[in-house]
Every structure is written in structure tokens, then in C-alpha cells.
mmCIF file of all heavy atoms, coordinates in Angstrom:
data_MODEL
# 
_entry.id   MODEL 
# 
loop_
_atom_site.group_PDB 
_atom_site.id 
_atom_site.type_symbol 
_atom_site.label_atom_id 
_atom_site.label_alt_id 
_atom_site.label_comp_id 
_atom_site.label_asym_id 
_atom_site.label_entity_id 
_atom_site.label_seq_id 
_atom_site.pdbx_PDB_ins_code 
_atom_site.Cartn_x 
_atom_site.Cartn_y 
_atom_site.Cartn_z 
_atom_site.occupancy 
_atom_site.B_iso_or_equiv 
_atom_site.pdbx_formal_charge 
_atom_site.auth_seq_id 
_atom_site.auth_comp_id 
_atom_site.auth_asym_id 
_atom_site.auth_atom_id 
_atom_site.pdbx_PDB_model_num 
ATOM 1   N N   . LEU A 1 1  ? 109.465 98.196 94.177  1.00 0.00 ? 1  LEU A N   1 
ATOM 2   C CA  . LEU A 1 1  ? 108.424 97.527 94.954  1.00 0.00 ? 1  LEU A CA  1 
ATOM 3   C C   . LEU A 1 1  ? 108.191 96.120 94.426  1.00 0.00 ? 1  LEU A C   1 
ATOM 4   O O   . LEU A 1 1  ? 108.018 95.180 95.202  1.00 0.00 ? 1  LEU A O   1 
ATOM 5   C CB  . LEU A 1 1  ? 107.122 98.328 94.945  1.00 0.00 ? 1  LEU A CB  1 
ATOM 6   C CG  . LEU A 1 1  ? 105.977 97.733 95.754  1.00 0.00 ? 1  LEU A CG  1 
ATOM 7   C CD1 . LEU A 1 1  ? 106.367 97.605 97.238  1.00 0.00 ? 1  LEU A CD1 1 
ATOM 8   C CD2 . LEU A 1 1  ? 104.719 98.559 95.614  1.00 0.00 ? 1  LEU A CD2 1 
ATOM 9   N N   . HIS A 1 2  ? 108.204 95.964 93.117  1.00 0.00 ? 2  HIS A N   1 
ATOM 10  C CA  . HIS A 1 2  ? 108.052 94.631 92.535  1.00 0.00 ? 2  HIS A CA  1 
ATOM 11  C C   . HIS A 1 2  ? 109.157 93.708 93.048  1.00 0.00 ? 2  HIS A C   1 
ATOM 12  O O   . HIS A 1 2  ? 108.895 92.560 93.405  1.00 0.00 ? 2  HIS A O   1 
ATOM 13  C CB  . HIS A 1 2  ? 108.107 94.692 91.005  1.00 0.00 ? 2  HIS A CB  1 
ATOM 14  C CG  . HIS A 1 2  ? 106.940 95.376 90.392  1.00 0.00 ? 2  HIS A CG  1 
ATOM 15  N ND1 . HIS A 1 2  ? 106.862 95.640 89.051  1.00 0.00 ? 2  HIS A ND1 1 
ATOM 16  C CD2 . HIS A 1 2  ? 105.789 95.864 90.911  1.00 0.00 ? 2  HIS A CD2 1 
ATOM 17  C CE1 . HIS A 1 2  ? 105.728 96.257 88.772  1.00 0.00 ? 2  HIS A CE1 1 
ATOM 18  N NE2 . HIS A 1 2  ? 105.056 96.401 89.889  1.00 0.00 ? 2  HIS A NE2 1 
ATOM 19  N N   . GLN A 1 3  ? 110.382 94.217 93.061  1.00 0.00 ? 3  GLN A N   1 
ATOM 20  C CA  . GLN A 1 3  ? 111.502 93.412 93.529  1.00 0.00 ? 3  GLN A CA  1 
ATOM 21  C C   . GLN A 1 3  ? 111.348 93.056 95.006  1.00 0.00 ? 3  GLN A C   1 
ATOM 22  O O   . GLN A 1 3  ? 111.581 91.913 95.406  1.00 0.00 ? 3  GLN A O   1 
ATOM 23  C CB  . GLN A 1 3  ? 112.818 94.155 93.315  1.00 0.00 ? 3  GLN A CB  1 
ATOM 24  C CG  . GLN A 1 3  ? 113.200 94.275 91.855  1.00 0.00 ? 3  GLN A CG  1 
ATOM 25  C CD  . GLN A 1 3  ? 114.453 95.105 91.647  1.00 0.00 ? 3  GLN A CD  1 
ATOM 26  O OE1 . GLN A 1 3  ? 114.970 95.710 92.575  1.00 0.00 ? 3  GLN A OE1 1 
ATOM 27  N NE2 . GLN A 1 3  ? 114.945 95.128 90.418  1.00 0.00 ? 3  GLN A NE2 1 
ATOM 28  N N   . ALA A 1 4  ? 110.960 94.042 95.812  1.00 0.00 ? 4  ALA A N   1 
ATOM 29  C CA  . ALA A 1 4  ? 110.813 93.793 97.250  1.00 0.00 ? 4  ALA A CA  1 
ATOM 30  C C   . ALA A 1 4  ? 109.721 92.771 97.540  1.00 0.00 ? 4  ALA A C   1 
ATOM 31  O O   . ALA A 1 4  ? 109.836 91.978 98.474  1.00 0.00 ? 4  ALA A O   1 
ATOM 32  C CB  . ALA A 1 4  ? 110.524 95.098 97.986  1.00 0.00 ? 4  ALA A CB  1 
ATOM 33  N N   . LEU A 1 5  ? 108.655 92.789 96.737  1.00 0.00 ? 5  LEU A N   1 
ATOM 34  C CA  . LEU A 1 5  ? 107.547 91.853 96.948  1.00 0.00 ? 5  LEU A CA  1 
ATOM 35  C C   . LEU A 1 5  ? 107.749 90.520 96.236  1.00 0.00 ? 5  LEU A C   1 
ATOM 36  O O   . LEU A 1 5  ? 107.072 89.547 96.539  1.00 0.00 ? 5  LEU A O   1 
ATOM 37  C CB  . LEU A 1 5  ? 106.237 92.484 96.459  1.00 0.00 ? 5  LEU A CB  1 
ATOM 38  C CG  . LEU A 1 5  ? 105.677 93.626 97.284  1.00 0.00 ? 5  LEU A CG  1 
ATOM 39  C CD1 . LEU A 1 5  ? 104.509 94.284 96.565  1.00 0.00 ? 5  LEU A CD1 1 
ATOM 40  C CD2 . LEU A 1 5  ? 105.253 93.138 98.654  1.00 0.00 ? 5  LEU A CD2 1 
ATOM 41  N N   . GLY A 1 6  ? 108.643 90.490 95.249  1.00 0.00 ? 6  GLY A N   1 
ATOM 42  C CA  . GLY A 1 6  ? 108.858 89.275 94.477  1.00 0.00 ? 6  GLY A CA  1 
ATOM 43  C C   . GLY A 1 6  ? 107.813 89.065 93.406  1.00 0.00 ? 6  GLY A C   1 
ATOM 44  O O   . GLY A 1 6  ? 107.523 87.930 93.031  1.00 0.00 ? 6  GLY A O   1 
ATOM 45  N N   . VAL A 1 7  ? 107.233 90.157 92.894  1.00 0.00 ? 7  VAL A N   1 
ATOM 46  C CA  . VAL A 1 7  ? 106.235 90.070 91.821  1.00 0.00 ? 7  VAL A CA  1 
ATOM 47  C C   . VAL A 1 7  ? 106.824 90.679 90.560  1.00 0.00 ? 7  VAL A C   1 
ATOM 48  O O   . VAL A 1 7  ? 107.858 91.342 90.588  1.00 0.00 ? 7  VAL A O   1 
ATOM 49  C CB  . VAL A 1 7  ? 104.924 90.796 92.203  1.00 0.00 ? 7  VAL A CB  1 
ATOM 50  C CG1 . VAL A 1 7  ? 104.289 90.162 93.431  1.00 0.00 ? 7  VAL A CG1 1 
ATOM 51  C CG2 . VAL A 1 7  ? 105.141 92.275 92.413  1.00 0.00 ? 7  VAL A CG2 1 
ATOM 52  N N   . THR A 1 8  ? 106.121 90.468 89.444  1.00 0.00 ? 8  THR A N   1 
ATOM 53  C CA  . THR A 1 8  ? 106.625 90.992 88.177  1.00 0.00 ? 8  THR A CA  1 
ATOM 54  C C   . THR A 1 8  ? 105.754 92.099 87.591  1.00 0.00 ? 8  THR A C   1 
ATOM 55  O O   . THR A 1 8  ? 106.150 92.727 86.616  1.00 0.00 ? 8  THR A O   1 
ATOM 56  C CB  . THR A 1 8  ? 106.738 89.863 87.135  1.00 0.00 ? 8  THR A CB  1 
ATOM 57  O OG1 . THR A 1 8  ? 105.457 89.248 86.976  1.00 0.00 ? 8  THR A OG1 1 
ATOM 58  C CG2 . THR A 1 8  ? 107.766 88.828 87.559  1.00 0.00 ? 8  THR A CG2 1 
ATOM 59  N N   . SER A 1 9  ? 104.586 92.328 88.178  1.00 0.00 ? 9  SER A N   1 
ATOM 60  C CA  . SER A 1 9  ? 103.708 93.349 87.595  1.00 0.00 ? 9  SER A CA  1 
ATOM 61  C C   . SER A 1 9  ? 102.797 93.966 88.647  1.00 0.00 ? 9  SER A C   1 
ATOM 62  O O   . SER A 1 9  ? 102.586 93.393 89.721  1.00 0.00 ? 9  SER A O   1 
ATOM 63  C CB  . SER A 1 9  ? 102.846 92.731 86.489  1.00 0.00 ? 9  SER A CB  1 
ATOM 64  O OG  . SER A 1 9  ? 101.899 91.839 87.048  1.00 0.00 ? 9  SER A OG  1 
ATOM 65  N N   . ASP A 1 10 ? 102.267 95.120 88.287  1.00 0.00 ? 10 ASP A N   1 
ATOM 66  C CA  . ASP A 1 10 ? 101.292 95.780 89.148  1.00 0.00 ? 10 ASP A CA  1 
ATOM 67  C C   . ASP A 1 10 ? 100.020 94.939 89.266  1.00 0.00 ? 10 ASP A C   1 
ATOM 68  O O   . ASP A 1 10 ? 99.347  94.974 90.293  1.00 0.00 ? 10 ASP A O   1 
ATOM 69  C CB  . ASP A 1 10 ? 100.920 97.161 88.585  1.00 0.00 ? 10 ASP A CB  1 
ATOM 70  C CG  . ASP A 1 10 ? 102.037 98.175 88.751  1.00 0.00 ? 10 ASP A CG  1 
ATOM 71  O OD1 . ASP A 1 10 ? 102.885 97.985 89.638  1.00 0.00 ? 10 ASP A OD1 1 
ATOM 72  O OD2 . ASP A 1 10 ? 102.048 99.160 87.996  1.00 0.00 ? 10 ASP A OD2 1 
ATOM 73  N N   . GLU A 1 11 ? 99.705  94.205 88.210  1.00 0.00 ? 11 GLU A N   1 
ATOM 74  C CA  . GLU A 1 11 ? 98.496  93.378 88.229  1.00 0.00 ? 11 GLU A CA  1 
ATOM 75  C C   . GLU A 1 11 ? 98.549  92.323 89.324  1.00 0.00 ? 11 GLU A C   1 
ATOM 76  O O   . GLU A 1 11 ? 97.541  92.039 89.964  1.00 0.00 ? 11 GLU A O   1 
ATOM 77  C CB  . GLU A 1 11 ? 98.270  92.712 86.860  1.00 0.00 ? 11 GLU A CB  1 
ATOM 78  C CG  . GLU A 1 11 ? 97.830  93.663 85.768  1.00 0.00 ? 11 GLU A CG  1 
ATOM 79  C CD  . GLU A 1 11 ? 98.993  94.483 85.181  1.00 0.00 ? 11 GLU A CD  1 
ATOM 80  O OE1 . GLU A 1 11 ? 100.160 94.025 85.260  1.00 0.00 ? 11 GLU A OE1 1 
ATOM 81  O OE2 . GLU A 1 11 ? 98.729  95.579 84.677  1.00 0.00 ? 11 GLU A OE2 1 
ATOM 82  N N   . GLU A 1 12 ? 99.727  91.752 89.539  1.00 0.00 ? 12 GLU A N   1 
ATOM 83  C CA  . GLU A 1 12 ? 99.867  90.755 90.609  1.00 0.00 ? 12 GLU A CA  1 
ATOM 84  C C   . GLU A 1 12 ? 99.578  91.387 91.967  1.00 0.00 ? 12 GLU A C   1 
ATOM 85  O O   . GLU A 1 12 ? 98.913  90.789 92.810  1.00 0.00 ? 12 GLU A O   1 
ATOM 86  C CB  . GLU A 1 12 ? 101.274 90.155 90.615  1.00 0.00 ? 12 GLU A CB  1 
ATOM 87  C CG  . GLU A 1 12 ? 101.538 89.172 89.510  1.00 0.00 ? 12 GLU A CG  1 
ATOM 88  C CD  . GLU A 1 12 ? 102.930 88.574 89.623  1.00 0.00 ? 12 GLU A CD  1 
ATOM 89  O OE1 . GLU A 1 12 ? 103.156 87.793 90.573  1.00 0.00 ? 12 GLU A OE1 1 
ATOM 90  O OE2 . GLU A 1 12 ? 103.779 88.913 88.786  1.00 0.00 ? 12 GLU A OE2 1 
ATOM 91  N N   . ILE A 1 13 ? 100.094 92.592 92.165  1.00 0.00 ? 13 ILE A N   1 
ATOM 92  C CA  . ILE A 1 13 ? 99.858  93.301 93.429  1.00 0.00 ? 13 ILE A CA  1 
ATOM 93  C C   . ILE A 1 13 ? 98.369  93.628 93.558  1.00 0.00 ? 13 ILE A C   1 
ATOM 94  O O   . ILE A 1 13 ? 97.761  93.385 94.598  1.00 0.00 ? 13 ILE A O   1 
ATOM 95  C CB  . ILE A 1 13 ? 100.702 94.585 93.507  1.00 0.00 ? 13 ILE A CB  1 
ATOM 96  C CG1 . ILE A 1 13 ? 102.191 94.249 93.457  1.00 0.00 ? 13 ILE A CG1 1 
ATOM 97  C CG2 . ILE A 1 13 ? 100.376 95.366 94.774  1.00 0.00 ? 13 ILE A CG2 1 
ATOM 98  C CD1 . ILE A 1 13 ? 103.099 95.454 93.293  1.00 0.00 ? 13 ILE A CD1 1 
ATOM 99  N N   . TYR A 1 14 ? 97.803  94.166 92.493  1.00 0.00 ? 14 TYR A N   1 
ATOM 100 C CA  . TYR A 1 14 ? 96.388  94.538 92.505  1.00 0.00 ? 14 TYR A CA  1 
ATOM 101 C C   . TYR A 1 14 ? 95.512  93.330 92.814  1.00 0.00 ? 14 TYR A C   1 
ATOM 102 O O   . TYR A 1 14 ? 94.623  93.401 93.661  1.00 0.00 ? 14 TYR A O   1 
ATOM 103 C CB  . TYR A 1 14 ? 95.991  95.146 91.148  1.00 0.00 ? 14 TYR A CB  1 
ATOM 104 C CG  . TYR A 1 14 ? 94.524  95.435 91.037  1.00 0.00 ? 14 TYR A CG  1 
ATOM 105 C CD1 . TYR A 1 14 ? 93.986  96.597 91.583  1.00 0.00 ? 14 TYR A CD1 1 
ATOM 106 C CD2 . TYR A 1 14 ? 93.666  94.540 90.415  1.00 0.00 ? 14 TYR A CD2 1 
ATOM 107 C CE1 . TYR A 1 14 ? 92.633  96.865 91.503  1.00 0.00 ? 14 TYR A CE1 1 
ATOM 108 C CE2 . TYR A 1 14 ? 92.304  94.798 90.333  1.00 0.00 ? 14 TYR A CE2 1 
ATOM 109 C CZ  . TYR A 1 14 ? 91.792  95.961 90.867  1.00 0.00 ? 14 TYR A CZ  1 
ATOM 110 O OH  . TYR A 1 14 ? 90.454  96.213 90.798  1.00 0.00 ? 14 TYR A OH  1 
ATOM 111 N N   . ASP A 1 15 ? 95.773  92.218 92.121  1.00 0.00 ? 15 ASP A N   1 
ATOM 112 C CA  . ASP A 1 15 ? 94.962  91.015 92.335  1.00 0.00 ? 15 ASP A CA  1 
ATOM 113 C C   . ASP A 1 15 ? 95.061  90.518 93.773  1.00 0.00 ? 15 ASP A C   1 
ATOM 114 O O   . ASP A 1 15 ? 94.065  90.130 94.378  1.00 0.00 ? 15 ASP A O   1 
ATOM 115 C CB  . ASP A 1 15 ? 95.385  89.898 91.364  1.00 0.00 ? 15 ASP A CB  1 
ATOM 116 C CG  . ASP A 1 15 ? 94.975  90.187 89.925  1.00 0.00 ? 15 ASP A CG  1 
ATOM 117 O OD1 . ASP A 1 15 ? 94.085  91.038 89.708  1.00 0.00 ? 15 ASP A OD1 1 
ATOM 118 O OD2 . ASP A 1 15 ? 95.565  89.560 89.020  1.00 0.00 ? 15 ASP A OD2 1 
ATOM 119 N N   . ALA A 1 16 ? 96.275  90.520 94.318  1.00 0.00 ? 16 ALA A N   1 
ATOM 120 C CA  . ALA A 1 16 ? 96.466  90.058 95.696  1.00 0.00 ? 16 ALA A CA  1 
ATOM 121 C C   . ALA A 1 16 ? 95.722  90.959 96.675  1.00 0.00 ? 16 ALA A C   1 
ATOM 122 O O   . ALA A 1 16 ? 95.032  90.477 97.584  1.00 0.00 ? 16 ALA A O   1 
ATOM 123 C CB  . ALA A 1 16 ? 97.949  90.014 96.035  1.00 0.00 ? 16 ALA A CB  1 
ATOM 124 N N   . LEU A 1 17 ? 95.849  92.275 96.494  1.00 0.00 ? 17 LEU A N   1 
ATOM 125 C CA  . LEU A 1 17 ? 95.151  93.206 97.386  1.00 0.00 ? 17 LEU A CA  1 
ATOM 126 C C   . LEU A 1 17 ? 93.634  93.082 97.221  1.00 0.00 ? 17 LEU A C   1 
ATOM 127 O O   . LEU A 1 17 ? 92.888  93.128 98.199  1.00 0.00 ? 17 LEU A O   1 
ATOM 128 C CB  . LEU A 1 17 ? 95.601  94.641 97.115  1.00 0.00 ? 17 LEU A CB  1 
ATOM 129 C CG  . LEU A 1 17 ? 97.069  94.947 97.445  1.00 0.00 ? 17 LEU A CG  1 
ATOM 130 C CD1 . LEU A 1 17 ? 97.424  96.363 97.001  1.00 0.00 ? 17 LEU A CD1 1 
ATOM 131 C CD2 . LEU A 1 17 ? 97.349  94.769 98.919  1.00 0.00 ? 17 LEU A CD2 1 
ATOM 132 N N   . TYR A 1 18 ? 93.186  92.908 95.989  1.00 0.00 ? 18 TYR A N   1 
ATOM 133 C CA  . TYR A 1 18 ? 91.762  92.759 95.724  1.00 0.00 ? 18 TYR A CA  1 
ATOM 134 C C   . TYR A 1 18 ? 91.217  91.504 96.406  1.00 0.00 ? 18 TYR A C   1 
ATOM 135 O O   . TYR A 1 18 ? 90.089  91.480 96.884  1.00 0.00 ? 18 TYR A O   1 
ATOM 136 C CB  . TYR A 1 18 ? 91.516  92.691 94.210  1.00 0.00 ? 18 TYR A CB  1 
ATOM 137 C CG  . TYR A 1 18 ? 90.053  92.610 93.842  1.00 0.00 ? 18 TYR A CG  1 
ATOM 138 C CD1 . TYR A 1 18 ? 89.252  93.740 93.869  1.00 0.00 ? 18 TYR A CD1 1 
ATOM 139 C CD2 . TYR A 1 18 ? 89.476  91.395 93.478  1.00 0.00 ? 18 TYR A CD2 1 
ATOM 140 C CE1 . TYR A 1 18 ? 87.911  93.681 93.537  1.00 0.00 ? 18 TYR A CE1 1 
ATOM 141 C CE2 . TYR A 1 18 ? 88.135  91.325 93.148  1.00 0.00 ? 18 TYR A CE2 1 
ATOM 142 C CZ  . TYR A 1 18 ? 87.356  92.473 93.176  1.00 0.00 ? 18 TYR A CZ  1 
ATOM 143 O OH  . TYR A 1 18 ? 86.021  92.394 92.854  1.00 0.00 ? 18 TYR A OH  1 
ATOM 144 N N   . ASN A 1 19 ? 92.022  90.466 96.467  1.00 0.00 ? 19 ASN A N   1 
ATOM 145 C CA  . ASN A 1 19 ? 91.608  89.205 97.100  1.00 0.00 ? 19 ASN A CA  1 
ATOM 146 C C   . ASN A 1 19 ? 91.820  89.204 98.606  1.00 0.00 ? 19 ASN A C   1 
ATOM 147 O O   . ASN A 1 19 ? 91.705  88.167 99.255  1.00 0.00 ? 19 ASN A O   1 
ATOM 148 C CB  . ASN A 1 19 ? 92.340  88.026 96.455  1.00 0.00 ? 19 ASN A CB  1 
ATOM 149 C CG  . ASN A 1 19 ? 91.859  87.782 95.043  1.00 0.00 ? 19 ASN A CG  1 
ATOM 150 O OD1 . ASN A 1 19 ? 90.674  87.906 94.754  1.00 0.00 ? 19 ASN A OD1 1 
ATOM 151 N ND2 . ASN A 1 19 ? 92.780  87.454 94.158  1.00 0.00 ? 19 ASN A ND2 1 
ATOM 152 N N   . GLY A 1 20 ? 92.143  90.361 99.184  1.00 0.00 ? 20 GLY A N   1 
ATOM 153 C CA  . GLY A 1 20 ? 92.207  90.485 100.630 1.00 0.00 ? 20 GLY A CA  1 
ATOM 154 C C   . GLY A 1 20 ? 93.569  90.274 101.244 1.00 0.00 ? 20 GLY A C   1 
ATOM 155 O O   . GLY A 1 20 ? 93.705  90.303 102.473 1.00 0.00 ? 20 GLY A O   1 
ATOM 156 N N   . GLN A 1 21 ? 94.590  90.049 100.443 1.00 0.00 ? 21 GLN A N   1 
ATOM 157 C CA  . GLN A 1 21 ? 95.928  89.883 100.997 1.00 0.00 ? 21 GLN A CA  1 
ATOM 158 C C   . GLN A 1 21 ? 96.529  91.236 101.310 1.00 0.00 ? 21 GLN A C   1 
ATOM 159 O O   . GLN A 1 21 ? 96.232  92.238 100.664 1.00 0.00 ? 21 GLN A O   1 
ATOM 160 C CB  . GLN A 1 21 ? 96.842  89.163 99.996  1.00 0.00 ? 21 GLN A CB  1 
ATOM 161 C CG  . GLN A 1 21 ? 96.581  87.690 99.845  1.00 0.00 ? 21 GLN A CG  1 
ATOM 162 C CD  . GLN A 1 21 ? 97.624  87.059 98.940  1.00 0.00 ? 21 GLN A CD  1 
ATOM 163 O OE1 . GLN A 1 21 ? 97.814  87.501 97.817  1.00 0.00 ? 21 GLN A OE1 1 
ATOM 164 N NE2 . GLN A 1 21 ? 98.298  86.037 99.443  1.00 0.00 ? 21 GLN A NE2 1 
ATOM 165 N N   . SER A 1 22 ? 97.406  91.269 102.286 1.00 0.00 ? 22 SER A N   1 
ATOM 166 C CA  . SER A 1 22 ? 98.169  92.475 102.570 1.00 0.00 ? 22 SER A CA  1 
ATOM 167 C C   . SER A 1 22 ? 99.482  92.395 101.800 1.00 0.00 ? 22 SER A C   1 
ATOM 168 O O   . SER A 1 22 ? 99.861  91.327 101.305 1.00 0.00 ? 22 SER A O   1 
ATOM 169 C CB  . SER A 1 22 ? 98.456  92.578 104.067 1.00 0.00 ? 22 SER A CB  1 
ATOM 170 O OG  . SER A 1 22 ? 99.337  91.543 104.463 1.00 0.00 ? 22 SER A OG  1 
ATOM 171 N N   . LEU A 1 23 ? 100.196 93.515 101.732 1.00 0.00 ? 23 LEU A N   1 
ATOM 172 C CA  . LEU A 1 23 ? 101.509 93.487 101.092 1.00 0.00 ? 23 LEU A CA  1 
ATOM 173 C C   . LEU A 1 23 ? 102.454 92.563 101.852 1.00 0.00 ? 23 LEU A C   1 
ATOM 174 O O   . LEU A 1 23 ? 103.303 91.897 101.254 1.00 0.00 ? 23 LEU A O   1 
ATOM 175 C CB  . LEU A 1 23 ? 102.094 94.896 100.999 1.00 0.00 ? 23 LEU A CB  1 
ATOM 176 C CG  . LEU A 1 23 ? 101.387 95.849 100.039 1.00 0.00 ? 23 LEU A CG  1 
ATOM 177 C CD1 . LEU A 1 23 ? 102.048 97.223 100.070 1.00 0.00 ? 23 LEU A CD1 1 
ATOM 178 C CD2 . LEU A 1 23 ? 101.368 95.300 98.628  1.00 0.00 ? 23 LEU A CD2 1 
ATOM 179 N N   . ALA A 1 24 ? 102.297 92.491 103.163 1.00 0.00 ? 24 ALA A N   1 
ATOM 180 C CA  . ALA A 1 24 ? 103.122 91.593 103.978 1.00 0.00 ? 24 ALA A CA  1 
ATOM 181 C C   . ALA A 1 24 ? 102.865 90.136 103.583 1.00 0.00 ? 24 ALA A C   1 
ATOM 182 O O   . ALA A 1 24 ? 103.808 89.340 103.479 1.00 0.00 ? 24 ALA A O   1 
ATOM 183 C CB  . ALA A 1 24 ? 102.831 91.803 105.457 1.00 0.00 ? 24 ALA A CB  1 
ATOM 184 N N   . GLU A 1 25 ? 101.609 89.797 103.341 1.00 0.00 ? 25 GLU A N   1 
ATOM 185 C CA  . GLU A 1 25 ? 101.273 88.425 102.939 1.00 0.00 ? 25 GLU A CA  1 
ATOM 186 C C   . GLU A 1 25 ? 101.790 88.116 101.538 1.00 0.00 ? 25 GLU A C   1 
ATOM 187 O O   . GLU A 1 25 ? 102.241 87.002 101.268 1.00 0.00 ? 25 GLU A O   1 
ATOM 188 C CB  . GLU A 1 25 ? 99.765  88.211 103.009 1.00 0.00 ? 25 GLU A CB  1 
ATOM 189 C CG  . GLU A 1 25 ? 99.226  88.222 104.424 1.00 0.00 ? 25 GLU A CG  1 
ATOM 190 C CD  . GLU A 1 25 ? 97.713  88.288 104.501 1.00 0.00 ? 25 GLU A CD  1 
ATOM 191 O OE1 . GLU A 1 25 ? 97.078  88.889 103.597 1.00 0.00 ? 25 GLU A OE1 1 
ATOM 192 O OE2 . GLU A 1 25 ? 97.168  87.746 105.481 1.00 0.00 ? 25 GLU A OE2 1 
ATOM 193 N N   . VAL A 1 26 ? 101.747 89.113 100.647 1.00 0.00 ? 26 VAL A N   1 
ATOM 194 C CA  . VAL A 1 26 ? 102.289 88.923 99.300  1.00 0.00 ? 26 VAL A CA  1 
ATOM 195 C C   . VAL A 1 26 ? 103.787 88.646 99.401  1.00 0.00 ? 26 VAL A C   1 
ATOM 196 O O   . VAL A 1 26 ? 104.297 87.713 98.769  1.00 0.00 ? 26 VAL A O   1 
ATOM 197 C CB  . VAL A 1 26 ? 102.014 90.157 98.410  1.00 0.00 ? 26 VAL A CB  1 
ATOM 198 C CG1 . VAL A 1 26 ? 102.721 90.028 97.076  1.00 0.00 ? 26 VAL A CG1 1 
ATOM 199 C CG2 . VAL A 1 26 ? 100.518 90.354 98.202  1.00 0.00 ? 26 VAL A CG2 1 
ATOM 200 N N   . ALA A 1 27 ? 104.492 89.458 100.174 1.00 0.00 ? 27 ALA A N   1 
ATOM 201 C CA  . ALA A 1 27 ? 105.937 89.266 100.332 1.00 0.00 ? 27 ALA A CA  1 
ATOM 202 C C   . ALA A 1 27 ? 106.243 87.903 100.952 1.00 0.00 ? 27 ALA A C   1 
ATOM 203 O O   . ALA A 1 27 ? 107.125 87.179 100.469 1.00 0.00 ? 27 ALA A O   1 
ATOM 204 C CB  . ALA A 1 27 ? 106.515 90.381 101.191 1.00 0.00 ? 27 ALA A CB  1 
ATOM 205 N N   . ALA A 1 28 ? 105.518 87.530 101.993 1.00 0.00 ? 28 ALA A N   1 
ATOM 206 C CA  . ALA A 1 28 ? 105.763 86.256 102.672 1.00 0.00 ? 28 ALA A CA  1 
ATOM 207 C C   . ALA A 1 28 ? 105.501 85.070 101.749 1.00 0.00 ? 28 ALA A C   1 
ATOM 208 O O   . ALA A 1 28 ? 106.241 84.076 101.781 1.00 0.00 ? 28 ALA A O   1 
ATOM 209 C CB  . ALA A 1 28 ? 104.898 86.153 103.920 1.00 0.00 ? 28 ALA A CB  1 
# 
């Protein structure tokens, strides 16, 4: 999932989701 989204940690995903971004927006 990190590779698919282009992130390096769960914290990056958590922070993005917490700030209202979707996984699609993180990937884009």
C-alpha cells in the first residue's frame, strides 16, 4: 500500500486521512 500510494510510512497515510484527504488524493 505504501508503494501504491507513494508514501514511506503509515504515519503519512494517517496524517493525510486525518487532514481530510482521501487515499485517491494521497496517490494523486
